[in-house]
Amino acid sequence: MSSGGTLVCRRSRFLLDLSDWVFLAFVVEIDGYYHFRDPCSYRRDRRKDFELQQHGYLVVRVLAEDIVCRLEEVLDTILAAVVFCRQQAHR
């Protein structure tokens, strides 16, 4: 898993927070408070999620606050997503 990067789907370029798009088609997006205050940012993120999902990527969104306050839950969620993606890759 890389610490982020740029993924190109169709004509769209996405900046990603954490990703493994080569082996697992898996993306983790970290949302701060500003994502919910700005409707344009929220809409852009939803469009990005949809386009990534159309291309077979699993998108997991976590709150930045949860990384600080609930790190174990966030890591458990990410681990579950990795396990799911591995199972899907072997089908």
C-alpha atoms as a PDB file:
ATOM      1  CA  MET A   1       0.000   0.000   0.000  1.00  0.00           C
ATOM      2  CA  SER A   2       1.375   3.364  -0.922  1.00  0.00           C
ATOM      3  CA  SER A   3       0.943   6.598   0.966  1.00  0.00           C
ATOM      4  CA  GLY A   4      -1.114   8.028  -1.830  1.00  0.00           C
ATOM      5  CA  GLY A   5      -0.635   9.103  -5.352  1.00  0.00           C
ATOM      6  CA  THR A   6      -2.493   9.873  -8.501  1.00  0.00           C
ATOM      7  CA  LEU A   7      -4.760   7.423 -10.278  1.00  0.00           C
ATOM      8  CA  VAL A   8      -6.187   8.070 -13.723  1.00  0.00           C
ATOM      9  CA  CYS A   9      -9.595   6.616 -14.616  1.00  0.00           C
ATOM     10  CA  ARG A  10     -10.991   7.520 -17.995  1.00  0.00           C
ATOM     11  CA  ARG A  11     -10.188  11.202 -18.280  1.00  0.00           C
ATOM     12  CA  SER A  12     -10.246  11.897 -14.543  1.00  0.00           C
ATOM     13  CA  ARG A  13      -7.203  12.225 -12.321  1.00  0.00           C
ATOM     14  CA  PHE A  14      -7.641  11.435  -8.643  1.00  0.00           C
ATOM     15  CA  LEU A  15      -5.367  12.340  -5.792  1.00  0.00           C
ATOM     16  CA  LEU A  16      -5.619   9.518  -3.265  1.00  0.00           C
ATOM     17  CA  ASP A  17      -4.695   9.451   0.414  1.00  0.00           C
ATOM     18  CA  LEU A  18      -3.742   5.749   0.707  1.00  0.00           C
ATOM     19  CA  SER A  19      -4.017   3.212  -2.056  1.00  0.00           C
ATOM     20  CA  ASP A  20      -3.070  -0.104  -3.548  1.00  0.00           C
ATOM     21  CA  TRP A  21      -4.494   0.169  -7.026  1.00  0.00           C
ATOM     22  CA  VAL A  22      -2.019  -2.232  -8.584  1.00  0.00           C
ATOM     23  CA  PHE A  23      -2.716  -5.443  -6.632  1.00  0.00           C
ATOM     24  CA  LEU A  24      -5.887  -4.948  -4.611  1.00  0.00           C
ATOM     25  CA  ALA A  25      -7.864  -2.121  -6.265  1.00  0.00           C
ATOM     26  CA  PHE A  26      -8.241  -0.590  -2.822  1.00  0.00           C
ATOM     27  CA  VAL A  27      -8.349   3.073  -1.763  1.00  0.00           C
ATOM     28  CA  VAL A  28      -8.547   4.714   1.666  1.00  0.00           C
ATOM     29  CA  GLU A  29      -9.738   8.322   1.715  1.00  0.00           C
ATOM     30  CA  ILE A  30      -9.299  10.433   4.836  1.00  0.00           C
ATOM     31  CA  ASP A  31     -11.939  13.115   5.338  1.00  0.00           C
ATOM     32  CA  GLY A  32     -11.391  16.148   7.506  1.00  0.00           C
ATOM     33  CA  TYR A  33     -14.099  18.392   8.870  1.00  0.00           C
ATOM     34  CA  TYR A  34     -13.871  20.705   5.849  1.00  0.00           C
ATOM     35  CA  HIS A  35     -15.217  17.920   3.605  1.00  0.00           C
ATOM     36  CA  PHE A  36     -18.608  18.352   5.216  1.00  0.00           C
ATOM     37  CA  ARG A  37     -18.641  22.147   5.363  1.00  0.00           C
ATOM     38  CA  ASP A  38     -18.073  22.662   1.672  1.00  0.00           C
ATOM     39  CA  PRO A  39     -20.798  21.181  -0.569  1.00  0.00           C
ATOM     40  CA  CYS A  40     -18.522  21.336  -3.632  1.00  0.00           C
ATOM     41  CA  SER A  41     -15.836  19.237  -1.926  1.00  0.00           C
ATOM     42  CA  TYR A  42     -18.439  16.767  -0.720  1.00  0.00           C
ATOM     43  CA  ARG A  43     -19.922  16.395  -4.221  1.00  0.00           C
ATOM     44  CA  ARG A  44     -16.471  16.018  -5.794  1.00  0.00           C
ATOM     45  CA  ASP A  45     -15.599  13.254  -3.349  1.00  0.00           C
ATOM     46  CA  ARG A  46     -18.860  11.410  -4.042  1.00  0.00           C
ATOM     47  CA  ARG A  47     -18.215  11.608  -7.795  1.00  0.00           C
ATOM     48  CA  LYS A  48     -14.686  10.322  -7.230  1.00  0.00           C
ATOM     49  CA  ASP A  49     -16.017   7.412  -5.145  1.00  0.00           C
ATOM     50  CA  PHE A  50     -18.533   6.501  -7.835  1.00  0.00           C
ATOM     51  CA  GLU A  51     -16.025   6.604 -10.669  1.00  0.00           C
ATOM     52  CA  LEU A  52     -13.504   4.528  -8.719  1.00  0.00           C
ATOM     53  CA  GLN A  53     -16.232   1.991  -7.863  1.00  0.00           C
ATOM     54  CA  GLN A  54     -17.226   1.788 -11.526  1.00  0.00           C
ATOM     55  CA  HIS A  55     -13.644   0.709 -12.245  1.00  0.00           C
ATOM     56  CA  GLY A  56     -13.698  -1.981  -9.560  1.00  0.00           C
ATOM     57  CA  TYR A  57     -12.015  -0.154  -6.686  1.00  0.00           C
ATOM     58  CA  LEU A  58     -13.134  -0.510  -3.091  1.00  0.00           C
ATOM     59  CA  VAL A  59     -13.199   2.939  -1.486  1.00  0.00           C
ATOM     60  CA  VAL A  60     -13.019   3.140   2.310  1.00  0.00           C
ATOM     61  CA  ARG A  61     -13.569   6.565   3.860  1.00  0.00           C
ATOM     62  CA  VAL A  62     -12.453   7.392   7.388  1.00  0.00           C
ATOM     63  CA  LEU A  63     -12.607  10.580   9.375  1.00  0.00           C
ATOM     64  CA  ALA A  64      -9.322  12.283  10.194  1.00  0.00           C
ATOM     65  CA  GLU A  65     -10.574  12.646  13.773  1.00  0.00           C
ATOM     66  CA  ASP A  66     -11.039   8.862  14.014  1.00  0.00           C
ATOM     67  CA  ILE A  67      -7.417   8.293  13.050  1.00  0.00           C
ATOM     68  CA  VAL A  68      -6.490  10.235  16.168  1.00  0.00           C
ATOM     69  CA  CYS A  69      -9.275   9.103  18.526  1.00  0.00           C
ATOM     70  CA  ARG A  70     -10.193   5.625  17.236  1.00  0.00           C
ATOM     71  CA  LEU A  71      -7.084   4.360  15.495  1.00  0.00           C
ATOM     72  CA  GLU A  72      -7.670   0.686  16.346  1.00  0.00           C
ATOM     73  CA  GLU A  73     -11.167   0.796  14.777  1.00  0.00           C
ATOM     74  CA  VAL A  74      -9.789   2.478  11.659  1.00  0.00           C
ATOM     75  CA  LEU A  75      -7.010  -0.108  11.342  1.00  0.00           C
ATOM     76  CA  ASP A  76      -9.509  -2.945  11.836  1.00  0.00           C
ATOM     77  CA  THR A  77     -11.674  -1.491   9.059  1.00  0.00           C
ATOM     78  CA  ILE A  78      -8.709  -1.157   6.713  1.00  0.00           C
ATOM     79  CA  LEU A  79      -7.550  -4.692   7.488  1.00  0.00           C
ATOM     80  CA  ALA A  80     -11.054  -6.056   6.815  1.00  0.00           C
ATOM     81  CA  ALA A  81     -11.090  -4.206   3.495  1.00  0.00           C
ATOM     82  CA  VAL A  82      -7.687  -5.652   2.531  1.00  0.00           C
ATOM     83  CA  VAL A  83      -8.896  -9.171   3.368  1.00  0.00           C
ATOM     84  CA  PHE A  84     -12.038  -8.604   1.298  1.00  0.00           C
ATOM     85  CA  CYS A  85     -10.026  -7.332  -1.683  1.00  0.00           C
ATOM     86  CA  ARG A  86      -7.658 -10.293  -1.499  1.00  0.00           C
ATOM     87  CA  GLN A  87     -10.599 -12.687  -1.490  1.00  0.00           C
ATOM     88  CA  GLN A  88     -12.098 -10.922  -4.508  1.00  0.00           C
ATOM     89  CA  ALA A  89      -8.774 -11.033  -6.350  1.00  0.00           C
ATOM     90  CA  HIS A  90      -8.597 -14.821  -6.009  1.00  0.00           C
ATOM     91  CA  ARG A  91     -12.045 -15.464  -7.508  1.00  0.00           C
END
